[in-house]
Amino acid sequence: MESLGKCEMSADDIDPTRRRFLTATTAVIGGLGALCAAFPFAASWMPSDRAKAMGAPVEVDLSKIEVGQKVTVAWRGQPIFVVHRSHESVETLSGDEGFLRDPLSLESVQPLYTKNRFRSIKEQYLILVGICTHLGCVPLFKPTAGELDASWPGGFFCPCHGSKYDMAGRVYQGVPAPLNLPVPPYRYLSDTVVLIGEDSVGAAA
């Protein structure tokens, strides 16, 4: 029985230095475990690279777009139409206002600096969100006069439910779409380069 008593050791018999080492090691390991567990949670609040790319401004070189041509770029997961309007198509914008639902763009989603007949900073370059304001279809670009019917001056046509927009993206009367096509924020970096997604004072939208 005496040998059994010798095997028993009280807390006071443990080396204090060793005790502090074990306590510190346990605390460090516990802290690392908590940090590792928290990292996935914290990371879930941070935007992914893909999300950042979708929301980042998009730079477009307008000099590469021929007169009468439309190019489509992506911004925030939306198609953005960039159109180099001909002089003739710009001239039609003053002649069809009587057939438009909101010719002065009073109800439209667009920056103040595009609140004009052309709905653009420069007359010849139109920049629009290419999503129909009815149910979200992507309108077709129909710039040629008479392409849809004899009275068609050129513009955009939604194939889903027949909504029509002129060459400034203004919606016609008597169609399902209630609003003009939106204009995204943008600014010019030079005479021929535009940055879509950032307004004229440099603030991201």
C-alpha atoms as a PDB file:
ATOM      1  CA  MET A   1       0.000   0.000   0.000  1.00  0.00           C
ATOM      2  CA  GLU A   2       2.972   2.249   0.622  1.00  0.00           C
ATOM      3  CA  SER A   3       4.085   1.963  -3.023  1.00  0.00           C
ATOM      4  CA  LEU A   4       0.640   3.046  -4.190  1.00  0.00           C
ATOM      5  CA  GLY A   5       0.897   6.185  -2.115  1.00  0.00           C
ATOM      6  CA  LYS A   6       4.173   7.041  -3.757  1.00  0.00           C
ATOM      7  CA  CYS A   7       2.493   7.030  -7.191  1.00  0.00           C
ATOM      8  CA  GLU A   8      -0.008   9.704  -6.179  1.00  0.00           C
ATOM      9  CA  MET A   9       1.038  13.280  -7.035  1.00  0.00           C
ATOM     10  CA  SER A  10      -0.669  16.484  -5.978  1.00  0.00           C
ATOM     11  CA  ALA A  11      -0.960  19.634  -8.081  1.00  0.00           C
ATOM     12  CA  ASP A  12       1.616  21.256  -5.842  1.00  0.00           C
ATOM     13  CA  ASP A  13       4.209  18.653  -6.877  1.00  0.00           C
ATOM     14  CA  ILE A  14       4.051  19.703 -10.619  1.00  0.00           C
ATOM     15  CA  ASP A  15       6.884  21.942 -11.796  1.00  0.00           C
ATOM     16  CA  PRO A  16       5.461  25.538 -11.979  1.00  0.00           C
ATOM     17  CA  THR A  17       7.425  26.244 -15.154  1.00  0.00           C
ATOM     18  CA  ARG A  18       5.957  23.216 -16.838  1.00  0.00           C
ATOM     19  CA  ARG A  19       2.489  24.197 -15.655  1.00  0.00           C
ATOM     20  CA  ARG A  20       2.789  27.660 -17.206  1.00  0.00           C
ATOM     21  CA  PHE A  21       4.063  26.131 -20.445  1.00  0.00           C
ATOM     22  CA  LEU A  22       1.119  23.719 -20.656  1.00  0.00           C
ATOM     23  CA  THR A  23      -1.366  26.487 -19.863  1.00  0.00           C
ATOM     24  CA  ALA A  24       0.088  28.792 -22.510  1.00  0.00           C
ATOM     25  CA  THR A  25       0.180  26.012 -25.108  1.00  0.00           C
ATOM     26  CA  THR A  26      -3.450  25.114 -24.443  1.00  0.00           C
ATOM     27  CA  ALA A  27      -4.494  28.769 -24.786  1.00  0.00           C
ATOM     28  CA  VAL A  28      -2.613  29.194 -28.074  1.00  0.00           C
ATOM     29  CA  ILE A  29      -4.077  26.025 -29.574  1.00  0.00           C
ATOM     30  CA  GLY A  30      -7.562  27.034 -28.452  1.00  0.00           C
ATOM     31  CA  GLY A  31      -7.141  30.489 -29.949  1.00  0.00           C
ATOM     32  CA  LEU A  32      -5.964  29.100 -33.265  1.00  0.00           C
ATOM     33  CA  GLY A  33      -8.926  26.763 -33.359  1.00  0.00           C
ATOM     34  CA  ALA A  34     -11.359  29.628 -32.758  1.00  0.00           C
ATOM     35  CA  LEU A  35      -9.642  31.723 -35.442  1.00  0.00           C
ATOM     36  CA  CYS A  36      -9.835  28.921 -37.989  1.00  0.00           C
ATOM     37  CA  ALA A  37     -13.496  28.386 -37.210  1.00  0.00           C
ATOM     38  CA  ALA A  38     -14.270  32.095 -37.539  1.00  0.00           C
ATOM     39  CA  PHE A  39     -12.383  32.673 -40.809  1.00  0.00           C
ATOM     40  CA  PRO A  40     -14.940  31.007 -43.125  1.00  0.00           C
ATOM     41  CA  PHE A  41     -17.693  33.014 -41.447  1.00  0.00           C
ATOM     42  CA  ALA A  42     -15.833  36.300 -41.864  1.00  0.00           C
ATOM     43  CA  ALA A  43     -14.864  35.447 -45.439  1.00  0.00           C
ATOM     44  CA  SER A  44     -18.513  34.918 -46.293  1.00  0.00           C
ATOM     45  CA  TRP A  45     -19.092  38.648 -45.677  1.00  0.00           C
ATOM     46  CA  MET A  46     -16.360  39.696 -48.103  1.00  0.00           C
ATOM     47  CA  PRO A  47     -17.218  40.065 -51.819  1.00  0.00           C
ATOM     48  CA  SER A  48     -15.683  37.476 -54.099  1.00  0.00           C
ATOM     49  CA  ASP A  49     -13.384  38.402 -56.988  1.00  0.00           C
ATOM     50  CA  ARG A  50     -16.232  37.562 -59.363  1.00  0.00           C
ATOM     51  CA  ALA A  51     -18.618  39.852 -57.501  1.00  0.00           C
ATOM     52  CA  LYS A  52     -16.057  42.655 -57.564  1.00  0.00           C
ATOM     53  CA  ALA A  53     -15.556  42.166 -61.297  1.00  0.00           C
ATOM     54  CA  MET A  54     -19.300  42.279 -61.935  1.00  0.00           C
ATOM     55  CA  GLY A  55     -19.620  45.612 -60.159  1.00  0.00           C
ATOM     56  CA  ALA A  56     -16.420  47.231 -61.373  1.00  0.00           C
ATOM     57  CA  PRO A  57     -16.633  50.045 -63.934  1.00  0.00           C
ATOM     58  CA  VAL A  58     -16.155  49.000 -67.565  1.00  0.00           C
ATOM     59  CA  GLU A  59     -13.950  50.923 -69.959  1.00  0.00           C
ATOM     60  CA  VAL A  60     -15.039  51.137 -73.609  1.00  0.00           C
ATOM     61  CA  ASP A  61     -13.072  52.530 -76.552  1.00  0.00           C
ATOM     62  CA  LEU A  62     -15.695  54.302 -78.668  1.00  0.00           C
ATOM     63  CA  SER A  63     -13.294  54.822 -81.570  1.00  0.00           C
ATOM     64  CA  LYS A  64     -13.650  51.138 -82.425  1.00  0.00           C
ATOM     65  CA  ILE A  65     -17.438  51.372 -82.873  1.00  0.00           C
ATOM     66  CA  GLU A  66     -18.455  52.213 -86.424  1.00  0.00           C
ATOM     67  CA  VAL A  67     -21.294  54.595 -87.234  1.00  0.00           C
ATOM     68  CA  GLY A  68     -24.606  52.748 -86.967  1.00  0.00           C
ATOM     69  CA  GLN A  69     -23.059  49.917 -84.929  1.00  0.00           C
ATOM     70  CA  LYS A  70     -24.008  48.671 -81.456  1.00  0.00           C
ATOM     71  CA  VAL A  71     -21.708  46.799 -79.114  1.00  0.00           C
ATOM     72  CA  THR A  72     -22.751  45.122 -75.874  1.00  0.00           C
ATOM     73  CA  VAL A  73     -20.629  44.987 -72.731  1.00  0.00           C
ATOM     74  CA  ALA A  74     -21.430  43.571 -69.301  1.00  0.00           C
ATOM     75  CA  TRP A  75     -21.678  45.660 -66.151  1.00  0.00           C
ATOM     76  CA  ARG A  76     -23.070  44.286 -62.880  1.00  0.00           C
ATOM     77  CA  GLY A  77     -24.338  41.276 -64.770  1.00  0.00           C
ATOM     78  CA  GLN A  78     -26.407  43.451 -67.119  1.00  0.00           C
ATOM     79  CA  PRO A  79     -26.034  43.960 -70.866  1.00  0.00           C
ATOM     80  CA  ILE A  80     -25.026  47.527 -71.640  1.00  0.00           C
ATOM     81  CA  PHE A  81     -25.704  48.785 -75.164  1.00  0.00           C
ATOM     82  CA  VAL A  82     -23.205  51.258 -76.596  1.00  0.00           C
ATOM     83  CA  VAL A  83     -24.410  52.706 -79.901  1.00  0.00           C
ATOM     84  CA  HIS A  84     -22.644  54.989 -82.345  1.00  0.00           C
ATOM     85  CA  ARG A  85     -25.634  56.834 -83.774  1.00  0.00           C
ATOM     86  CA  SER A  86     -25.542  58.253 -87.252  1.00  0.00           C
ATOM     87  CA  HIS A  87     -26.407  61.888 -87.892  1.00  0.00           C
ATOM     88  CA  GLU A  88     -29.659  60.744 -89.513  1.00  0.00           C
ATOM     89  CA  SER A  89     -30.737  58.701 -86.481  1.00  0.00           C
ATOM     90  CA  VAL A  90     -29.993  61.624 -84.162  1.00  0.00           C
ATOM     91  CA  GLU A  91     -32.189  63.820 -86.354  1.00  0.00           C
ATOM     92  CA  THR A  92     -35.153  61.436 -85.948  1.00  0.00           C
ATOM     93  CA  LEU A  93     -35.207  62.018 -82.175  1.00  0.00           C
ATOM     94  CA  SER A  94     -37.038  65.322 -82.504  1.00  0.00           C
ATOM     95  CA  GLY A  95     -39.634  63.994 -84.929  1.00  0.00           C
ATOM     96  CA  ASP A  96     -41.165  61.087 -83.009  1.00  0.00           C
ATOM     97  CA  GLU A  97     -41.768  62.675 -79.604  1.00  0.00           C
ATOM     98  CA  GLY A  98     -45.541  62.783 -80.084  1.00  0.00           C
ATOM     99  CA  PHE A  99     -45.591  58.980 -80.173  1.00  0.00           C
ATOM    100  CA  LEU A 100     -43.524  58.498 -77.020  1.00  0.00           C
ATOM    101  CA  ARG A 101     -44.780  57.762 -73.502  1.00  0.00           C
ATOM    102  CA  ASP A 102     -42.098  59.825 -71.716  1.00  0.00           C
ATOM    103  CA  PRO A 103     -40.291  61.965 -74.319  1.00  0.00           C
ATOM    104  CA  LEU A 104     -38.623  64.218 -71.725  1.00  0.00           C
ATOM    105  CA  SER A 105     -37.493  61.242 -69.614  1.00  0.00           C
ATOM    106  CA  LEU A 106     -39.204  62.604 -66.517  1.00  0.00           C
ATOM    107  CA  GLU A 107     -39.825  59.121 -65.124  1.00  0.00           C
ATOM    108  CA  SER A 108     -36.686  57.443 -66.411  1.00  0.00           C
ATOM    109  CA  VAL A 109     -33.793  55.966 -64.478  1.00  0.00           C
ATOM    110  CA  GLN A 110     -30.808  57.957 -65.695  1.00  0.00           C
ATOM    111  CA  PRO A 111     -28.178  60.442 -64.474  1.00  0.00           C
ATOM    112  CA  LEU A 112     -29.070  64.119 -64.501  1.00  0.00           C
ATOM    113  CA  TYR A 113     -26.331  64.802 -67.046  1.00  0.00           C
ATOM    114  CA  THR A 114     -28.217  62.691 -69.612  1.00  0.00           C
ATOM    115  CA  LYS A 115     -31.600  64.383 -69.066  1.00  0.00           C
ATOM    116  CA  ASN A 116     -31.864  65.649 -72.612  1.00  0.00           C
ATOM    117  CA  ARG A 117     -33.430  64.616 -75.906  1.00  0.00           C
ATOM    118  CA  PHE A 118     -30.453  62.444 -76.805  1.00  0.00           C
ATOM    119  CA  ARG A 119     -30.214  60.861 -73.320  1.00  0.00           C
ATOM    120  CA  SER A 120     -26.437  61.036 -73.579  1.00  0.00           C
ATOM    121  CA  ILE A 121     -23.457  63.257 -72.905  1.00  0.00           C
ATOM    122  CA  LYS A 122     -22.446  63.260 -76.573  1.00  0.00           C
ATOM    123  CA  GLU A 123     -25.179  63.180 -79.201  1.00  0.00           C
ATOM    124  CA  GLN A 124     -23.657  60.451 -81.320  1.00  0.00           C
ATOM    125  CA  TYR A 125     -22.942  57.953 -78.520  1.00  0.00           C
ATOM    126  CA  LEU A 126     -25.848  56.314 -76.720  1.00  0.00           C
ATOM    127  CA  ILE A 127     -25.277  54.143 -73.639  1.00  0.00           C
ATOM    128  CA  LEU A 128     -28.201  52.150 -72.231  1.00  0.00           C
ATOM    129  CA  VAL A 129     -28.987  49.227 -69.963  1.00  0.00           C
ATOM    130  CA  GLY A 130     -30.228  46.703 -72.530  1.00  0.00           C
ATOM    131  CA  ILE A 131     -33.105  45.286 -70.486  1.00  0.00           C
ATOM    132  CA  CYS A 132     -36.745  45.867 -71.416  1.00  0.00           C
ATOM    133  CA  THR A 133     -38.613  47.701 -68.659  1.00  0.00           C
ATOM    134  CA  HIS A 134     -41.593  45.386 -69.043  1.00  0.00           C
ATOM    135  CA  LEU A 135     -40.407  41.912 -68.001  1.00  0.00           C
ATOM    136  CA  GLY A 136     -36.651  42.061 -68.420  1.00  0.00           C
ATOM    137  CA  CYS A 137     -36.080  40.703 -71.929  1.00  0.00           C
ATOM    138  CA  VAL A 138     -33.184  41.973 -74.032  1.00  0.00           C
ATOM    139  CA  PRO A 139     -34.422  44.214 -76.870  1.00  0.00           C
ATOM    140  CA  LEU A 140     -33.165  43.798 -80.422  1.00  0.00           C
ATOM    141  CA  PHE A 141     -31.328  46.630 -82.145  1.00  0.00           C
ATOM    142  CA  LYS A 142     -33.286  47.684 -85.220  1.00  0.00           C
ATOM    143  CA  PRO A 143     -31.595  50.872 -86.476  1.00  0.00           C
ATOM    144  CA  THR A 144     -32.798  50.819 -90.089  1.00  0.00           C
ATOM    145  CA  ALA A 145     -35.842  52.935 -90.955  1.00  0.00           C
ATOM    146  CA  GLY A 146     -38.763  50.793 -92.128  1.00  0.00           C
ATOM    147  CA  GLU A 147     -37.201  47.624 -90.700  1.00  0.00           C
ATOM    148  CA  LEU A 148     -40.252  46.785 -88.551  1.00  0.00           C
ATOM    149  CA  ASP A 149     -42.925  48.624 -90.532  1.00  0.00           C
ATOM    150  CA  ALA A 150     -43.203  51.556 -92.894  1.00  0.00           C
ATOM    151  CA  SER A 151     -43.355  54.098 -90.072  1.00  0.00           C
ATOM    152  CA  TRP A 152     -40.435  52.671 -88.091  1.00  0.00           C
ATOM    153  CA  PRO A 153     -37.664  55.316 -87.764  1.00  0.00           C
ATOM    154  CA  GLY A 154     -35.156  52.964 -86.131  1.00  0.00           C
ATOM    155  CA  GLY A 155     -34.566  51.977 -82.530  1.00  0.00           C
ATOM    156  CA  PHE A 156     -35.012  48.950 -80.282  1.00  0.00           C
ATOM    157  CA  PHE A 157     -37.657  46.232 -80.360  1.00  0.00           C
ATOM    158  CA  CYS A 158     -38.408  43.731 -77.592  1.00  0.00           C
ATOM    159  CA  PRO A 159     -39.234  40.343 -79.175  1.00  0.00           C
ATOM    160  CA  CYS A 160     -40.937  39.041 -76.020  1.00  0.00           C
ATOM    161  CA  HIS A 161     -44.002  41.280 -75.915  1.00  0.00           C
ATOM    162  CA  GLY A 162     -43.508  43.843 -78.679  1.00  0.00           C
ATOM    163  CA  SER A 163     -42.341  46.912 -76.776  1.00  0.00           C
ATOM    164  CA  LYS A 164     -40.643  49.536 -78.928  1.00  0.00           C
ATOM    165  CA  TYR A 165     -38.055  52.195 -78.103  1.00  0.00           C
ATOM    166  CA  ASP A 166     -36.577  54.938 -80.255  1.00  0.00           C
ATOM    167  CA  MET A 167     -32.878  55.577 -80.887  1.00  0.00           C
ATOM    168  CA  ALA A 168     -32.599  57.241 -77.487  1.00  0.00           C
ATOM    169  CA  GLY A 169     -34.178  54.281 -75.702  1.00  0.00           C
ATOM    170  CA  ARG A 170     -37.460  56.155 -75.121  1.00  0.00           C
ATOM    171  CA  VAL A 171     -40.492  53.893 -75.022  1.00  0.00           C
ATOM    172  CA  TYR A 172     -43.408  54.309 -77.425  1.00  0.00           C
ATOM    173  CA  GLN A 173     -47.010  54.644 -76.368  1.00  0.00           C
ATOM    174  CA  GLY A 174     -49.340  51.636 -76.559  1.00  0.00           C
ATOM    175  CA  VAL A 175     -46.747  48.970 -75.677  1.00  0.00           C
ATOM    176  CA  PRO A 176     -46.369  46.888 -72.492  1.00  0.00           C
ATOM    177  CA  ALA A 177     -43.130  48.538 -71.306  1.00  0.00           C
ATOM    178  CA  PRO A 178     -43.900  51.389 -68.874  1.00  0.00           C
ATOM    179  CA  LEU A 179     -40.557  53.215 -68.853  1.00  0.00           C
ATOM    180  CA  ASN A 180     -37.676  54.259 -71.064  1.00  0.00           C
ATOM    181  CA  LEU A 181     -34.596  52.034 -71.093  1.00  0.00           C
ATOM    182  CA  PRO A 182     -32.332  53.019 -68.155  1.00  0.00           C
ATOM    183  CA  VAL A 183     -29.110  54.935 -68.687  1.00  0.00           C
ATOM    184  CA  PRO A 184     -26.226  53.788 -66.464  1.00  0.00           C
ATOM    185  CA  PRO A 185     -23.812  56.254 -64.870  1.00  0.00           C
ATOM    186  CA  TYR A 186     -20.753  56.921 -67.007  1.00  0.00           C
ATOM    187  CA  ARG A 187     -18.066  59.466 -67.699  1.00  0.00           C
ATOM    188  CA  TYR A 188     -15.536  60.221 -70.395  1.00  0.00           C
ATOM    189  CA  LEU A 189     -11.874  59.531 -69.701  1.00  0.00           C
ATOM    190  CA  SER A 190     -10.941  61.059 -73.059  1.00  0.00           C
ATOM    191  CA  ASP A 191     -12.677  62.069 -76.274  1.00  0.00           C
ATOM    192  CA  THR A 192     -13.088  58.431 -77.295  1.00  0.00           C
ATOM    193  CA  VAL A 193     -12.869  56.390 -74.079  1.00  0.00           C
ATOM    194  CA  VAL A 194     -15.805  56.078 -71.712  1.00  0.00           C
ATOM    195  CA  LEU A 195     -15.983  54.523 -68.256  1.00  0.00           C
ATOM    196  CA  ILE A 196     -19.355  52.881 -67.563  1.00  0.00           C
ATOM    197  CA  GLY A 197     -20.349  52.483 -63.933  1.00  0.00           C
ATOM    198  CA  GLU A 198     -18.815  55.688 -62.627  1.00  0.00           C
ATOM    199  CA  ASP A 199     -20.390  59.096 -62.921  1.00  0.00           C
ATOM    200  CA  SER A 200     -18.972  62.403 -64.083  1.00  0.00           C
ATOM    201  CA  VAL A 201     -17.549  63.277 -60.668  1.00  0.00           C
ATOM    202  CA  GLY A 202     -15.859  59.917 -60.274  1.00  0.00           C
ATOM    203  CA  ALA A 203     -18.241  58.320 -57.796  1.00  0.00           C
ATOM    204  CA  ALA A 204     -19.033  54.658 -58.347  1.00  0.00           C
ATOM    205  CA  ALA A 205     -22.757  54.001 -58.655  1.00  0.00           C
END
